Amino acid sequence: METYFDSLPDIFTIINFIIISIGIIGNLLVLLIIICRKTTRTKMYILIGNLAVADLSFLAQQMVVFVTKIPEKIYFLYNYMTFVTVTVSIHTLVLLALDKFMSLVLVYTSRVFKTTRNLFITVVLLWAVSIVAFYMPVTIFFDSHPGFVHQNGPYMTRNLTFDIDTTPYRITLACFFVFDFMLPLITMTVMYSMVIHQLLCKDRPNPGNSSAEMKVVKDKQRLTVVMMIVTIVFVVCWFPKWVNFYFLFFTDVDDRNESYMLFLKFTHLLVVINSAINPILYAFIYVDFRRGVTVPVNFMRKLCCNK
């Protein structure tokens, strides 16, 4: 079977493969820590676990496309699931921002509405809405004019020989941009700004606080920093991809141009990094995840020793 490595053995392919592998291992480790460590079986980790599932699903799809030359007929399913998992991942970041906002700013409301049952319902609804909502837009992209939008490995390009009205593609992309980039970015920015105001002006530790109270405040600050960094990484990784979509469908860029192809590969690499880097951020910034790494390691060691 011909692999993607055989047809395009360039540096971007190798880097993508390495990052995807690290991301898959990292997100699996996040899920194992949540399952194995009691201190991470809290309401918030329902969302962190969902983020890991969405990122893991996206990375697994990328691994398949990079390693195997899949049939063109399967690309519709690949792109459909890519849009779904990416949307779930992005809006889980929004839910994590909402979680911090409610926990630190709207404390009473958080106690009333942020129940385990409500969080599970929210996660299920997020997946259901994404699965239903993206079928028609993906159909417009890949079935309305077969061959106009096509795949070059994991990269989406267009056939310049087609003379068609690209308005439906532009409208669809504009909706994607608003729903999957601008709205999440605005929402997270507003919520985290209010959280920072809360922490700096109302929850600052002082010499009179007990060590336990100071630890709680510092833990809140540390976790908020993690989520803010995740948000910044999201912007840095996804904005170039939207610039690429703009060039591809709103300008007359020649997607066969070598400079453009390098830019295309770079933007895809950034998107892969976004899904792979979240568990690394948890591990290096959030203490509970660093401690939790030993749990699955010890579990695997016991299994091996018992054998």
C-alpha atoms as a PDB file:
ATOM      1  CA  MET A   1       0.000   0.000   0.000  1.00  0.00           C
ATOM      2  CA  GLU A   2       1.341   3.412  -0.978  1.00  0.00           C
ATOM      3  CA  THR A   3       1.808   5.734   1.956  1.00  0.00           C
ATOM      4  CA  TYR A   4       1.816   9.482   2.143  1.00  0.00           C
ATOM      5  CA  PHE A   5       5.480   9.317   3.114  1.00  0.00           C
ATOM      6  CA  ASP A   6       6.226   7.719  -0.271  1.00  0.00           C
ATOM      7  CA  SER A   7       4.556  10.492  -2.256  1.00  0.00           C
ATOM      8  CA  LEU A   8       5.760  13.506  -0.246  1.00  0.00           C
ATOM      9  CA  PRO A   9       8.765  12.752   1.984  1.00  0.00           C
ATOM     10  CA  ASP A  10       9.401  16.328   3.150  1.00  0.00           C
ATOM     11  CA  ILE A  11      10.305  17.855   6.489  1.00  0.00           C
ATOM     12  CA  PHE A  12       6.697  18.880   7.219  1.00  0.00           C
ATOM     13  CA  THR A  13       5.553  15.268   6.932  1.00  0.00           C
ATOM     14  CA  ILE A  14       8.189  14.096   9.402  1.00  0.00           C
ATOM     15  CA  ILE A  15       7.472  16.901  11.883  1.00  0.00           C
ATOM     16  CA  ASN A  16       3.717  16.305  11.628  1.00  0.00           C
ATOM     17  CA  PHE A  17       4.185  12.601  12.292  1.00  0.00           C
ATOM     18  CA  ILE A  18       6.303  13.287  15.384  1.00  0.00           C
ATOM     19  CA  ILE A  19       3.899  15.900  16.785  1.00  0.00           C
ATOM     20  CA  ILE A  20       0.836  13.747  16.095  1.00  0.00           C
ATOM     21  CA  SER A  21       2.484  10.811  17.895  1.00  0.00           C
ATOM     22  CA  ILE A  22       3.363  12.978  20.905  1.00  0.00           C
ATOM     23  CA  GLY A  23      -0.157  14.438  20.939  1.00  0.00           C
ATOM     24  CA  ILE A  24      -1.831  11.025  20.856  1.00  0.00           C
ATOM     25  CA  ILE A  25       0.335   9.767  23.720  1.00  0.00           C
ATOM     26  CA  GLY A  26      -0.191  12.987  25.692  1.00  0.00           C
ATOM     27  CA  ASN A  27      -3.973  13.024  25.346  1.00  0.00           C
ATOM     28  CA  LEU A  28      -4.169   9.324  26.213  1.00  0.00           C
ATOM     29  CA  LEU A  29      -2.107  10.108  29.307  1.00  0.00           C
ATOM     30  CA  VAL A  30      -4.524  12.896  30.277  1.00  0.00           C
ATOM     31  CA  LEU A  31      -7.449  10.468  30.056  1.00  0.00           C
ATOM     32  CA  LEU A  32      -5.560   7.839  32.075  1.00  0.00           C
ATOM     33  CA  ILE A  33      -4.738  10.387  34.786  1.00  0.00           C
ATOM     34  CA  ILE A  34      -8.378  11.469  35.026  1.00  0.00           C
ATOM     35  CA  ILE A  35      -9.513   7.840  35.268  1.00  0.00           C
ATOM     36  CA  CYS A  36      -6.802   6.607  37.660  1.00  0.00           C
ATOM     37  CA  ARG A  37      -6.307   9.591  39.984  1.00  0.00           C
ATOM     38  CA  LYS A  38      -9.109  10.359  42.442  1.00  0.00           C
ATOM     39  CA  THR A  39      -8.234  14.052  42.795  1.00  0.00           C
ATOM     40  CA  THR A  40      -8.937  14.578  39.083  1.00  0.00           C
ATOM     41  CA  ARG A  41     -12.383  12.999  39.177  1.00  0.00           C
ATOM     42  CA  THR A  42     -14.062  16.363  39.640  1.00  0.00           C
ATOM     43  CA  LYS A  43     -16.661  18.218  37.612  1.00  0.00           C
ATOM     44  CA  MET A  44     -14.154  20.375  35.759  1.00  0.00           C
ATOM     45  CA  TYR A  45     -12.261  17.329  34.541  1.00  0.00           C
ATOM     46  CA  ILE A  46     -15.335  16.203  32.634  1.00  0.00           C
ATOM     47  CA  LEU A  47     -14.529  19.104  30.311  1.00  0.00           C
ATOM     48  CA  ILE A  48     -10.777  18.461  30.307  1.00  0.00           C
ATOM     49  CA  GLY A  49     -11.473  14.811  29.504  1.00  0.00           C
ATOM     50  CA  ASN A  50     -13.800  15.842  26.686  1.00  0.00           C
ATOM     51  CA  LEU A  51     -11.110  18.151  25.296  1.00  0.00           C
ATOM     52  CA  ALA A  52      -8.647  15.253  25.347  1.00  0.00           C
ATOM     53  CA  VAL A  53     -11.149  12.974  23.566  1.00  0.00           C
ATOM     54  CA  ALA A  54     -11.796  15.561  20.839  1.00  0.00           C
ATOM     55  CA  ASP A  55      -8.083  16.289  20.334  1.00  0.00           C
ATOM     56  CA  LEU A  56      -7.263  12.580  20.375  1.00  0.00           C
ATOM     57  CA  SER A  57      -9.916  11.888  17.729  1.00  0.00           C
ATOM     58  CA  PHE A  58      -8.595  14.681  15.520  1.00  0.00           C
ATOM     59  CA  LEU A  59      -4.977  13.536  15.854  1.00  0.00           C
ATOM     60  CA  ALA A  60      -5.904   9.917  15.132  1.00  0.00           C
ATOM     61  CA  GLN A  61      -7.548  11.015  11.877  1.00  0.00           C
ATOM     62  CA  GLN A  62      -4.451  13.001  10.941  1.00  0.00           C
ATOM     63  CA  MET A  63      -2.242  10.000  11.645  1.00  0.00           C
ATOM     64  CA  VAL A  64      -4.312   7.816   9.312  1.00  0.00           C
ATOM     65  CA  VAL A  65      -4.134  10.377   6.498  1.00  0.00           C
ATOM     66  CA  PHE A  66      -0.399  10.940   6.913  1.00  0.00           C
ATOM     67  CA  VAL A  67       0.510   7.254   7.093  1.00  0.00           C
ATOM     68  CA  THR A  68      -1.918   5.759   4.556  1.00  0.00           C
ATOM     69  CA  LYS A  69      -3.045   6.886   1.130  1.00  0.00           C
ATOM     70  CA  ILE A  70      -6.781   6.609   1.735  1.00  0.00           C
ATOM     71  CA  PRO A  71      -9.318   6.404  -1.130  1.00  0.00           C
ATOM     72  CA  GLU A  72     -10.788   9.698  -2.322  1.00  0.00           C
ATOM     73  CA  LYS A  73     -14.319   8.538  -1.471  1.00  0.00           C
ATOM     74  CA  ILE A  74     -13.375   8.382   2.210  1.00  0.00           C
ATOM     75  CA  TYR A  75     -12.165  11.987   2.255  1.00  0.00           C
ATOM     76  CA  PHE A  76     -15.721  13.232   2.769  1.00  0.00           C
ATOM     77  CA  LEU A  77     -15.930  11.268   6.031  1.00  0.00           C
ATOM     78  CA  TYR A  78     -12.422  12.398   6.990  1.00  0.00           C
ATOM     79  CA  ASN A  79     -13.223  16.085   6.473  1.00  0.00           C
ATOM     80  CA  TYR A  80     -16.620  15.754   8.135  1.00  0.00           C
ATOM     81  CA  MET A  81     -15.134  14.184  11.276  1.00  0.00           C
ATOM     82  CA  THR A  82     -12.287  16.708  11.224  1.00  0.00           C
ATOM     83  CA  PHE A  83     -14.736  19.629  11.326  1.00  0.00           C
ATOM     84  CA  VAL A  84     -16.761  17.918  14.073  1.00  0.00           C
ATOM     85  CA  THR A  85     -13.824  17.087  16.357  1.00  0.00           C
ATOM     86  CA  VAL A  86     -12.177  20.481  15.856  1.00  0.00           C
ATOM     87  CA  THR A  87     -15.449  22.254  16.682  1.00  0.00           C
ATOM     88  CA  VAL A  88     -15.944  20.155  19.821  1.00  0.00           C
ATOM     89  CA  SER A  89     -12.363  20.890  20.897  1.00  0.00           C
ATOM     90  CA  ILE A  90     -12.708  24.641  20.346  1.00  0.00           C
ATOM     91  CA  HIS A  91     -16.036  24.950  22.128  1.00  0.00           C
ATOM     92  CA  THR A  92     -14.807  22.803  25.004  1.00  0.00           C
ATOM     93  CA  LEU A  93     -12.219  25.549  25.526  1.00  0.00           C
ATOM     94  CA  VAL A  94     -15.151  27.972  25.716  1.00  0.00           C
ATOM     95  CA  LEU A  95     -16.870  25.733  28.265  1.00  0.00           C
ATOM     96  CA  LEU A  96     -13.671  25.609  30.323  1.00  0.00           C
ATOM     97  CA  ALA A  97     -13.584  29.413  30.292  1.00  0.00           C
ATOM     98  CA  LEU A  98     -17.239  29.464  31.356  1.00  0.00           C
ATOM     99  CA  ASP A  99     -16.419  26.977  34.123  1.00  0.00           C
ATOM    100  CA  LYS A 100     -13.692  29.235  35.530  1.00  0.00           C
ATOM    101  CA  PHE A 101     -15.902  32.307  35.166  1.00  0.00           C
ATOM    102  CA  MET A 102     -18.774  30.721  37.080  1.00  0.00           C
ATOM    103  CA  SER A 103     -16.527  29.173  39.746  1.00  0.00           C
ATOM    104  CA  LEU A 104     -14.650  32.387  40.528  1.00  0.00           C
ATOM    105  CA  VAL A 105     -17.087  35.182  39.625  1.00  0.00           C
ATOM    106  CA  LEU A 106     -20.605  33.722  39.819  1.00  0.00           C
ATOM    107  CA  VAL A 107     -19.994  31.428  42.761  1.00  0.00           C
ATOM    108  CA  TYR A 108     -23.623  30.908  43.817  1.00  0.00           C
ATOM    109  CA  THR A 109     -24.808  30.346  40.250  1.00  0.00           C
ATOM    110  CA  SER A 110     -22.007  27.843  39.799  1.00  0.00           C
ATOM    111  CA  ARG A 111     -23.153  25.825  42.811  1.00  0.00           C
ATOM    112  CA  VAL A 112     -26.714  25.699  41.521  1.00  0.00           C
ATOM    113  CA  PHE A 113     -26.151  24.963  37.834  1.00  0.00           C
ATOM    114  CA  LYS A 114     -22.694  23.361  37.594  1.00  0.00           C
ATOM    115  CA  THR A 115     -23.661  19.830  38.501  1.00  0.00           C
ATOM    116  CA  THR A 116     -22.134  16.635  37.168  1.00  0.00           C
ATOM    117  CA  ARG A 117     -25.387  15.816  35.384  1.00  0.00           C
ATOM    118  CA  ASN A 118     -25.563  19.223  33.679  1.00  0.00           C
ATOM    119  CA  LEU A 119     -21.941  18.996  32.542  1.00  0.00           C
ATOM    120  CA  PHE A 120     -22.486  15.558  31.006  1.00  0.00           C
ATOM    121  CA  ILE A 121     -25.623  16.822  29.250  1.00  0.00           C
ATOM    122  CA  THR A 122     -23.685  19.841  27.932  1.00  0.00           C
ATOM    123  CA  VAL A 123     -20.895  17.631  26.567  1.00  0.00           C
ATOM    124  CA  VAL A 124     -23.358  15.265  24.876  1.00  0.00           C
ATOM    125  CA  LEU A 125     -25.254  18.205  23.356  1.00  0.00           C
ATOM    126  CA  LEU A 126     -21.997  19.722  22.077  1.00  0.00           C
ATOM    127  CA  TRP A 127     -21.144  16.516  20.222  1.00  0.00           C
ATOM    128  CA  ALA A 128     -24.702  16.052  18.948  1.00  0.00           C
ATOM    129  CA  VAL A 129     -25.041  19.622  17.662  1.00  0.00           C
ATOM    130  CA  SER A 130     -21.620  19.476  15.994  1.00  0.00           C
ATOM    131  CA  ILE A 131     -22.399  16.156  14.291  1.00  0.00           C
ATOM    132  CA  VAL A 132     -25.749  17.393  12.971  1.00  0.00           C
ATOM    133  CA  ALA A 133     -24.744  20.977  12.131  1.00  0.00           C
ATOM    134  CA  PHE A 134     -21.665  20.191  10.058  1.00  0.00           C
ATOM    135  CA  TYR A 135     -23.111  17.598   7.702  1.00  0.00           C
ATOM    136  CA  MET A 136     -24.656  20.144   5.322  1.00  0.00           C
ATOM    137  CA  PRO A 137     -21.660  22.557   5.187  1.00  0.00           C
ATOM    138  CA  VAL A 138     -19.234  19.703   4.506  1.00  0.00           C
ATOM    139  CA  THR A 139     -21.614  18.419   1.818  1.00  0.00           C
ATOM    140  CA  ILE A 140     -21.527  21.864   0.168  1.00  0.00           C
ATOM    141  CA  PHE A 141     -17.743  21.786   0.170  1.00  0.00           C
ATOM    142  CA  PHE A 142     -17.134  18.295  -1.150  1.00  0.00           C
ATOM    143  CA  ASP A 143     -20.295  17.179  -2.973  1.00  0.00           C
ATOM    144  CA  SER A 144     -21.810  20.266  -4.626  1.00  0.00           C
ATOM    145  CA  HIS A 145     -19.024  20.431  -7.258  1.00  0.00           C
ATOM    146  CA  PRO A 146     -17.077  17.151  -7.073  1.00  0.00           C
ATOM    147  CA  GLY A 147     -13.417  17.715  -7.801  1.00  0.00           C
ATOM    148  CA  PHE A 148     -13.359  21.469  -7.125  1.00  0.00           C
ATOM    149  CA  VAL A 149     -12.187  21.026  -3.539  1.00  0.00           C
ATOM    150  CA  HIS A 150      -9.847  18.082  -3.278  1.00  0.00           C
ATOM    151  CA  GLN A 151      -7.297  16.636  -0.903  1.00  0.00           C
ATOM    152  CA  ASN A 152      -3.551  16.544  -1.396  1.00  0.00           C
ATOM    153  CA  GLY A 153      -2.730  14.222   1.463  1.00  0.00           C
ATOM    154  CA  PRO A 154      -4.026  16.019   4.576  1.00  0.00           C
ATOM    155  CA  TYR A 155      -4.081  19.372   2.780  1.00  0.00           C
ATOM    156  CA  MET A 156      -7.196  20.922   1.258  1.00  0.00           C
ATOM    157  CA  THR A 157      -6.690  22.595  -2.125  1.00  0.00           C
ATOM    158  CA  ARG A 158      -8.912  23.632  -5.037  1.00  0.00           C
ATOM    159  CA  ASN A 159      -8.972  22.817  -8.734  1.00  0.00           C
ATOM    160  CA  LEU A 160      -8.155  25.999 -10.645  1.00  0.00           C
ATOM    161  CA  THR A 161      -9.626  24.627 -13.891  1.00  0.00           C
ATOM    162  CA  PHE A 162     -13.169  24.865 -12.462  1.00  0.00           C
ATOM    163  CA  ASP A 163     -15.127  27.974 -13.446  1.00  0.00           C
ATOM    164  CA  ILE A 164     -17.899  28.043 -10.842  1.00  0.00           C
ATOM    165  CA  ASP A 165     -19.600  30.438  -8.459  1.00  0.00           C
ATOM    166  CA  THR A 166     -17.647  30.201  -5.201  1.00  0.00           C
ATOM    167  CA  THR A 167     -20.204  32.191  -3.177  1.00  0.00           C
ATOM    168  CA  PRO A 168     -21.565  29.116  -1.315  1.00  0.00           C
ATOM    169  CA  TYR A 169     -18.010  28.190  -0.294  1.00  0.00           C
ATOM    170  CA  ARG A 170     -17.304  31.725   0.902  1.00  0.00           C
ATOM    171  CA  ILE A 171     -20.529  31.930   2.915  1.00  0.00           C
ATOM    172  CA  THR A 172     -19.829  28.542   4.491  1.00  0.00           C
ATOM    173  CA  LEU A 173     -16.275  29.532   5.414  1.00  0.00           C
ATOM    174  CA  ALA A 174     -17.472  32.867   6.819  1.00  0.00           C
ATOM    175  CA  CYS A 175     -19.921  30.991   9.063  1.00  0.00           C
ATOM    176  CA  PHE A 176     -17.146  28.622  10.154  1.00  0.00           C
ATOM    177  CA  PHE A 177     -14.901  31.585  10.930  1.00  0.00           C
ATOM    178  CA  VAL A 178     -17.518  33.287  13.091  1.00  0.00           C
ATOM    179  CA  PHE A 179     -18.696  30.129  14.858  1.00  0.00           C
ATOM    180  CA  ASP A 180     -15.328  28.395  15.332  1.00  0.00           C
ATOM    181  CA  PHE A 181     -12.974  31.347  15.795  1.00  0.00           C
ATOM    182  CA  MET A 182     -14.398  34.813  16.455  1.00  0.00           C
ATOM    183  CA  LEU A 183     -17.206  33.892  18.862  1.00  0.00           C
ATOM    184  CA  PRO A 184     -15.031  31.513  20.924  1.00  0.00           C
ATOM    185  CA  LEU A 185     -12.204  34.053  21.012  1.00  0.00           C
ATOM    186  CA  ILE A 186     -14.461  36.927  22.121  1.00  0.00           C
ATOM    187  CA  THR A 187     -16.217  34.764  24.710  1.00  0.00           C
ATOM    188  CA  MET A 188     -12.994  33.435  26.224  1.00  0.00           C
ATOM    189  CA  THR A 189     -11.377  36.876  26.258  1.00  0.00           C
ATOM    190  CA  VAL A 190     -14.317  38.479  28.077  1.00  0.00           C
ATOM    191  CA  MET A 191     -14.633  35.678  30.624  1.00  0.00           C
ATOM    192  CA  TYR A 192     -10.932  35.450  31.404  1.00  0.00           C
ATOM    193  CA  SER A 193     -10.704  39.229  31.723  1.00  0.00           C
ATOM    194  CA  MET A 194     -13.387  39.115  34.405  1.00  0.00           C
ATOM    195  CA  VAL A 195     -11.669  36.159  36.091  1.00  0.00           C
ATOM    196  CA  ILE A 196      -8.357  38.049  36.186  1.00  0.00           C
ATOM    197  CA  HIS A 197     -10.131  41.061  37.686  1.00  0.00           C
ATOM    198  CA  GLN A 198     -11.646  38.789  40.334  1.00  0.00           C
ATOM    199  CA  LEU A 199      -8.301  37.207  41.221  1.00  0.00           C
ATOM    200  CA  LEU A 200      -6.303  40.445  41.265  1.00  0.00           C
ATOM    201  CA  CYS A 201      -8.823  42.644  43.068  1.00  0.00           C
ATOM    202  CA  LYS A 202     -10.793  40.327  45.349  1.00  0.00           C
ATOM    203  CA  ASP A 203      -9.010  37.013  45.877  1.00  0.00           C
ATOM    204  CA  ARG A 204      -5.428  38.111  46.470  1.00  0.00           C
ATOM    205  CA  PRO A 205      -3.803  36.328  49.407  1.00  0.00           C
ATOM    206  CA  ASN A 206      -2.536  38.510  52.255  1.00  0.00           C
ATOM    207  CA  PRO A 207      -0.332  37.816  55.266  1.00  0.00           C
ATOM    208  CA  GLY A 208      -3.406  37.277  57.423  1.00  0.00           C
ATOM    209  CA  ASN A 209      -4.706  34.386  55.366  1.00  0.00           C
ATOM    210  CA  SER A 210      -4.033  30.849  56.500  1.00  0.00           C
ATOM    211  CA  SER A 211      -1.685  28.691  54.445  1.00  0.00           C
ATOM    212  CA  ALA A 212      -4.647  26.571  53.334  1.00  0.00           C
ATOM    213  CA  GLU A 213      -6.535  29.625  52.032  1.00  0.00           C
ATOM    214  CA  MET A 214      -3.460  30.907  50.220  1.00  0.00           C
ATOM    215  CA  LYS A 215      -2.968  27.498  48.599  1.00  0.00           C
ATOM    216  CA  VAL A 216      -6.563  27.496  47.335  1.00  0.00           C
ATOM    217  CA  VAL A 217      -6.145  30.953  45.797  1.00  0.00           C
ATOM    218  CA  LYS A 218      -2.818  30.048  44.206  1.00  0.00           C
ATOM    219  CA  ASP A 219      -4.297  26.845  42.789  1.00  0.00           C
ATOM    220  CA  LYS A 220      -7.107  28.878  41.228  1.00  0.00           C
ATOM    221  CA  GLN A 221      -4.592  31.298  39.752  1.00  0.00           C
ATOM    222  CA  ARG A 222      -2.424  28.493  38.387  1.00  0.00           C
ATOM    223  CA  LEU A 223      -5.329  26.733  36.713  1.00  0.00           C
ATOM    224  CA  THR A 224      -6.582  29.992  35.220  1.00  0.00           C
ATOM    225  CA  VAL A 225      -3.112  30.635  33.788  1.00  0.00           C
ATOM    226  CA  VAL A 226      -3.247  27.207  32.138  1.00  0.00           C
ATOM    227  CA  MET A 227      -6.584  27.957  30.503  1.00  0.00           C
ATOM    228  CA  MET A 228      -5.408  31.394  29.358  1.00  0.00           C
ATOM    229  CA  ILE A 229      -2.311  29.882  27.762  1.00  0.00           C
ATOM    230  CA  VAL A 230      -4.481  27.258  26.060  1.00  0.00           C
ATOM    231  CA  THR A 231      -6.602  30.107  24.664  1.00  0.00           C
ATOM    232  CA  ILE A 232      -3.576  32.054  23.424  1.00  0.00           C
ATOM    233  CA  VAL A 233      -2.181  28.913  21.810  1.00  0.00           C
ATOM    234  CA  PHE A 234      -5.559  28.406  20.126  1.00  0.00           C
ATOM    235  CA  VAL A 235      -5.363  31.890  18.566  1.00  0.00           C
ATOM    236  CA  VAL A 236      -1.742  31.533  17.452  1.00  0.00           C
ATOM    237  CA  CYS A 237      -2.353  28.091  15.954  1.00  0.00           C
ATOM    238  CA  TRP A 238      -5.692  28.728  14.254  1.00  0.00           C
ATOM    239  CA  PHE A 239      -5.477  32.279  12.898  1.00  0.00           C
ATOM    240  CA  PRO A 240      -2.931  31.382  10.151  1.00  0.00           C
ATOM    241  CA  LYS A 241      -5.245  28.546   9.065  1.00  0.00           C
ATOM    242  CA  TRP A 242      -8.080  31.025   8.540  1.00  0.00           C
ATOM    243  CA  VAL A 243      -5.699  33.273   6.598  1.00  0.00           C
ATOM    244  CA  ASN A 244      -4.991  30.268   4.391  1.00  0.00           C
ATOM    245  CA  PHE A 245      -8.727  29.668   3.852  1.00  0.00           C
ATOM    246  CA  TYR A 246      -9.088  33.343   2.930  1.00  0.00           C
ATOM    247  CA  PHE A 247      -6.334  33.087   0.329  1.00  0.00           C
ATOM    248  CA  LEU A 248      -7.777  29.859  -1.044  1.00  0.00           C
ATOM    249  CA  PHE A 249     -11.419  30.909  -1.487  1.00  0.00           C
ATOM    250  CA  PHE A 250     -11.446  34.726  -1.457  1.00  0.00           C
ATOM    251  CA  THR A 251      -8.448  35.465  -3.689  1.00  0.00           C
ATOM    252  CA  ASP A 252      -6.930  34.177  -6.914  1.00  0.00           C
ATOM    253  CA  VAL A 253      -3.902  32.639  -5.226  1.00  0.00           C
ATOM    254  CA  ASP A 254      -2.230  29.865  -7.203  1.00  0.00           C
ATOM    255  CA  ASP A 255      -2.292  26.912  -4.813  1.00  0.00           C
ATOM    256  CA  ARG A 256       0.358  25.193  -6.946  1.00  0.00           C
ATOM    257  CA  ASN A 257       2.830  27.942  -6.114  1.00  0.00           C
ATOM    258  CA  GLU A 258       5.721  26.626  -4.016  1.00  0.00           C
ATOM    259  CA  SER A 259       5.601  29.500  -1.517  1.00  0.00           C
ATOM    260  CA  TYR A 260       1.878  29.029  -0.986  1.00  0.00           C
ATOM    261  CA  MET A 261       2.292  25.259  -0.510  1.00  0.00           C
ATOM    262  CA  LEU A 262       4.885  25.907   2.189  1.00  0.00           C
ATOM    263  CA  PHE A 263       2.464  28.289   3.901  1.00  0.00           C
ATOM    264  CA  LEU A 264      -0.342  25.715   3.572  1.00  0.00           C
ATOM    265  CA  LYS A 265       1.768  23.002   5.203  1.00  0.00           C
ATOM    266  CA  PHE A 266       2.856  25.392   7.951  1.00  0.00           C
ATOM    267  CA  THR A 267      -0.743  26.338   8.824  1.00  0.00           C
ATOM    268  CA  HIS A 268      -1.738  22.673   8.986  1.00  0.00           C
ATOM    269  CA  LEU A 269       1.232  21.968  11.247  1.00  0.00           C
ATOM    270  CA  LEU A 270       0.083  24.710  13.635  1.00  0.00           C
ATOM    271  CA  VAL A 271      -3.406  23.174  13.828  1.00  0.00           C
ATOM    272  CA  VAL A 272      -1.883  19.799  14.691  1.00  0.00           C
ATOM    273  CA  ILE A 273       0.284  21.460  17.350  1.00  0.00           C
ATOM    274  CA  ASN A 274      -2.842  23.012  18.899  1.00  0.00           C
ATOM    275  CA  SER A 275      -4.372  19.583  19.528  1.00  0.00           C
ATOM    276  CA  ALA A 276      -1.080  18.070  20.685  1.00  0.00           C
ATOM    277  CA  ILE A 277       0.107  20.781  23.064  1.00  0.00           C
ATOM    278  CA  ASN A 278      -2.780  20.875  25.567  1.00  0.00           C
ATOM    279  CA  PRO A 279      -1.621  17.844  27.625  1.00  0.00           C
ATOM    280  CA  ILE A 280       1.917  19.273  27.684  1.00  0.00           C
ATOM    281  CA  LEU A 281       0.548  22.520  29.129  1.00  0.00           C
ATOM    282  CA  TYR A 282      -1.308  20.582  31.820  1.00  0.00           C
ATOM    283  CA  ALA A 283       1.799  18.562  32.683  1.00  0.00           C
ATOM    284  CA  PHE A 284       4.207  21.476  33.015  1.00  0.00           C
ATOM    285  CA  ILE A 285       1.955  24.124  34.552  1.00  0.00           C
ATOM    286  CA  TYR A 286      -0.701  22.331  36.580  1.00  0.00           C
ATOM    287  CA  VAL A 287       0.827  20.523  39.564  1.00  0.00           C
ATOM    288  CA  ASP A 288      -1.953  17.932  39.923  1.00  0.00           C
ATOM    289  CA  PHE A 289      -1.321  16.651  36.410  1.00  0.00           C
ATOM    290  CA  ARG A 290       2.427  16.406  37.056  1.00  0.00           C
ATOM    291  CA  ARG A 291       1.768  14.311  40.120  1.00  0.00           C
ATOM    292  CA  GLY A 292      -0.835  12.296  38.278  1.00  0.00           C
ATOM    293  CA  VAL A 293       1.629  11.134  35.623  1.00  0.00           C
ATOM    294  CA  THR A 294       3.026   8.610  38.103  1.00  0.00           C
ATOM    295  CA  VAL A 295      -0.375   6.931  38.544  1.00  0.00           C
ATOM    296  CA  PRO A 296      -0.760   5.337  35.083  1.00  0.00           C
ATOM    297  CA  VAL A 297       2.992   4.602  35.042  1.00  0.00           C
ATOM    298  CA  ASN A 298       2.732   2.687  38.324  1.00  0.00           C
ATOM    299  CA  PHE A 299      -0.430   0.978  37.079  1.00  0.00           C
ATOM    300  CA  MET A 300       1.350  -0.272  33.941  1.00  0.00           C
ATOM    301  CA  ARG A 301       4.341  -1.335  36.030  1.00  0.00           C
ATOM    302  CA  LYS A 302       2.096  -3.441  38.272  1.00  0.00           C
ATOM    303  CA  LEU A 303       0.497  -5.077  35.241  1.00  0.00           C
ATOM    304  CA  CYS A 304       3.905  -5.954  33.820  1.00  0.00           C
ATOM    305  CA  CYS A 305       5.172  -7.255  37.165  1.00  0.00           C
ATOM    306  CA  ASN A 306       2.083  -9.417  37.684  1.00  0.00           C
ATOM    307  CA  LYS A 307       2.663 -11.010  34.312  1.00  0.00           C
END
